[in-house]
Amino acid sequence: MEKPADSAPASWESLPSWLLTQTAGHAQRLVGDAFSAAQARGYHYRLLATLEELGPASQATLGRRSGIHLSDMVAAVNELADRKLVERAPDPSDRRRNIISLTAAGRQQLRRLEKRLAECQDELLAPLSPGERQRLTELLAKLLDHHHRRAGDAP
């Protein structure tokens, strides 16, 4: 049954958990659509950005640095390697392990994804002033840090 247009919002519609969930859904759709248009996924962005920021690494180290589970990491690295966005090379200190590094094409793709991601942030946060955006980001980071510490899984 639809809610009449002139009725007040239900009490649960003002709960922070509801608002966060609904906003997260919008954010996920915006970013997913933007990355999809660039033949990418969120994991691709995270891997490329992690490689650029922290340098070459083994798949296991890259998984820890990016927060991507190893089973997902293998598939994502394979996809990026097939597109020549990352390169695998034997680790000189342990030939059983591969080191993953960013290629020039990977850096170009990362720039494209960063541009799309910035556009998504602007669209998602359009009604907020720059100060409000900064404050919202600080508050969300504080919440996430609190819950990571409580769960013992702080990055």
Protein backbone atom coordinates (compact mmCIF):
# COMPACT_ATOMS: atom_id res chain seq x y z
CA MET A 1 0.00 0.00 0.00
CA GLU A 2 1.43 3.36 -0.99
CA LYS A 3 1.80 6.13 1.53
CA PRO A 4 -0.40 9.17 0.74
CA ALA A 5 1.72 12.00 -0.73
CA ASP A 6 0.63 14.49 1.93
CA SER A 7 1.37 12.32 4.96
CA ALA A 8 4.34 12.90 7.22
CA PRO A 9 7.36 10.62 6.82
CA ALA A 10 7.31 7.46 8.90
CA SER A 11 9.40 7.69 12.07
CA TRP A 12 11.90 5.14 10.75
CA GLU A 13 12.66 7.40 7.78
CA SER A 14 14.53 9.77 10.09
CA LEU A 15 16.68 7.09 11.73
CA PRO A 16 20.41 7.55 11.04
CA SER A 17 20.76 3.89 10.07
CA TRP A 18 17.99 4.22 7.47
CA LEU A 19 19.42 7.48 6.10
CA LEU A 20 22.93 6.02 5.88
CA THR A 21 21.68 2.87 4.16
CA GLN A 22 19.64 4.80 1.60
CA THR A 23 22.47 7.25 0.90
CA ALA A 24 24.98 4.40 0.61
CA GLY A 25 22.72 2.78 -1.96
CA HIS A 26 22.71 5.96 -4.04
CA ALA A 27 26.49 6.28 -3.72
CA GLN A 28 27.02 2.67 -4.75
CA ARG A 29 24.78 3.10 -7.81
CA LEU A 30 26.49 6.33 -8.88
CA VAL A 31 29.99 4.91 -8.54
CA GLY A 32 29.05 1.54 -10.01
CA ASP A 33 27.51 3.16 -13.08
CA ALA A 34 30.46 5.52 -13.55
CA PHE A 35 33.03 2.74 -13.24
CA SER A 36 31.00 0.42 -15.47
CA ALA A 37 31.03 3.07 -18.21
CA ALA A 38 34.85 2.93 -17.98
CA GLN A 39 34.87 -0.91 -18.07
CA ALA A 40 35.93 -1.02 -14.42
CA ARG A 41 34.73 -2.07 -11.00
CA GLY A 42 35.39 -0.75 -7.53
CA TYR A 43 38.02 -3.43 -6.92
CA HIS A 44 39.89 -2.25 -10.01
CA TYR A 45 40.00 1.31 -8.71
CA ARG A 46 41.12 0.20 -5.25
CA LEU A 47 43.91 -1.96 -6.67
CA LEU A 48 45.18 0.66 -9.10
CA ALA A 49 45.08 3.39 -6.44
CA THR A 50 46.81 1.17 -3.87
CA LEU A 51 49.56 0.29 -6.33
CA GLU A 52 50.12 3.93 -7.20
CA GLU A 53 50.15 5.07 -3.57
CA LEU A 54 52.14 2.23 -2.01
CA GLY A 55 54.04 0.71 -4.92
CA PRO A 56 54.42 -2.84 -6.25
CA ALA A 57 53.47 -5.70 -3.97
CA SER A 58 52.64 -9.38 -3.85
CA GLN A 59 48.98 -10.31 -4.28
CA ALA A 60 48.71 -11.13 -0.57
CA THR A 61 50.23 -7.80 0.47
CA LEU A 62 48.11 -5.96 -2.07
CA GLY A 63 45.02 -7.67 -0.65
CA ARG A 64 45.87 -6.52 2.88
CA ARG A 65 46.67 -2.99 1.73
CA SER A 66 43.48 -2.61 -0.30
CA GLY A 67 41.16 -4.57 2.00
CA ILE A 68 40.24 -6.99 -0.77
CA HIS A 69 39.88 -10.68 0.12
CA LEU A 70 42.42 -12.93 -1.57
CA SER A 71 39.79 -14.87 -3.54
CA ASP A 72 38.50 -11.60 -5.04
CA MET A 73 42.04 -10.28 -5.42
CA VAL A 74 43.10 -13.05 -7.81
CA ALA A 75 40.17 -12.41 -10.16
CA ALA A 76 40.64 -8.62 -10.07
CA VAL A 77 44.38 -8.88 -10.75
CA ASN A 78 43.70 -11.29 -13.61
CA GLU A 79 41.22 -8.85 -15.13
CA LEU A 80 43.64 -5.94 -14.83
CA ALA A 81 46.57 -7.98 -16.14
CA ASP A 82 44.52 -9.14 -19.16
CA ARG A 83 43.94 -5.46 -19.98
CA LYS A 84 47.64 -4.62 -19.44
CA LEU A 85 46.78 -2.26 -16.55
CA VAL A 86 49.01 -4.16 -14.14
CA GLU A 87 51.99 -6.40 -14.65
CA ARG A 88 52.98 -9.59 -12.85
CA ALA A 89 56.64 -10.43 -12.42
CA PRO A 90 58.36 -13.08 -10.32
CA ASP A 91 59.52 -11.81 -6.95
CA PRO A 92 63.34 -11.82 -7.08
CA SER A 93 63.49 -12.83 -3.40
CA ASP A 94 60.91 -15.63 -3.72
CA ARG A 95 60.25 -17.06 -7.18
CA ARG A 96 57.04 -18.75 -5.96
CA ARG A 97 55.44 -15.34 -5.50
CA ASN A 98 54.50 -12.69 -8.06
CA ILE A 99 54.89 -8.96 -7.64
CA ILE A 100 52.12 -6.84 -9.10
CA SER A 101 52.97 -3.38 -10.43
CA LEU A 102 51.10 -0.60 -12.16
CA THR A 103 51.67 -0.02 -15.88
CA ALA A 104 51.47 3.28 -17.76
CA ALA A 105 48.08 2.18 -19.11
CA GLY A 106 47.03 1.42 -15.53
CA ARG A 107 47.95 4.96 -14.47
CA GLN A 108 45.88 6.36 -17.34
CA GLN A 109 42.92 4.21 -16.32
CA LEU A 110 43.35 5.33 -12.72
CA ARG A 111 43.18 8.99 -13.83
CA ARG A 112 39.95 8.26 -15.74
CA LEU A 113 38.45 6.50 -12.71
CA GLU A 114 39.52 9.31 -10.36
CA LYS A 115 37.80 11.83 -12.63
CA ARG A 116 34.60 9.77 -12.68
CA LEU A 117 34.80 9.25 -8.91
CA ALA A 118 35.15 13.01 -8.31
CA GLU A 119 32.08 13.60 -10.48
CA CYS A 120 30.17 11.02 -8.42
CA GLN A 121 31.18 12.70 -5.18
CA ASP A 122 29.94 16.04 -6.52
CA GLU A 123 26.64 14.53 -7.63
CA LEU A 124 26.10 12.65 -4.37
CA LEU A 125 26.95 15.64 -2.18
CA ALA A 126 25.41 18.32 -4.43
CA PRO A 127 23.12 19.89 -1.81
CA LEU A 128 25.97 20.31 0.70
CA SER A 129 28.35 23.25 0.98
CA PRO A 130 32.11 22.54 0.97
CA GLY A 131 32.17 22.87 4.77
CA GLU A 132 29.23 20.51 5.17
CA ARG A 133 30.90 17.99 2.86
CA GLN A 134 34.06 18.10 4.95
CA ARG A 135 32.11 17.76 8.20
CA LEU A 136 30.05 14.84 6.86
CA THR A 137 33.24 13.08 5.75
CA GLU A 138 34.81 13.62 9.17
CA LEU A 139 31.73 12.26 10.96
CA LEU A 140 31.47 9.21 8.70
CA ALA A 141 35.20 8.49 9.18
CA LYS A 142 34.75 8.79 12.95
CA LEU A 143 31.85 6.31 12.90
CA LEU A 144 33.72 3.85 10.71
CA ASP A 145 36.88 4.08 12.80
CA HIS A 146 34.86 3.45 15.98
CA HIS A 147 33.19 0.35 14.57
CA HIS A 148 36.42 -1.00 13.07
CA ARG A 149 38.13 -0.66 16.46
CA ARG A 150 35.21 -2.34 18.26
CA ALA A 151 35.30 -5.22 15.82
CA GLY A 152 39.08 -5.45 16.04
CA ASP A 153 39.47 -5.00 12.30
CA ALA A 154 40.92 -1.52 12.04
CA PRO A 155 42.81 -1.08 8.79
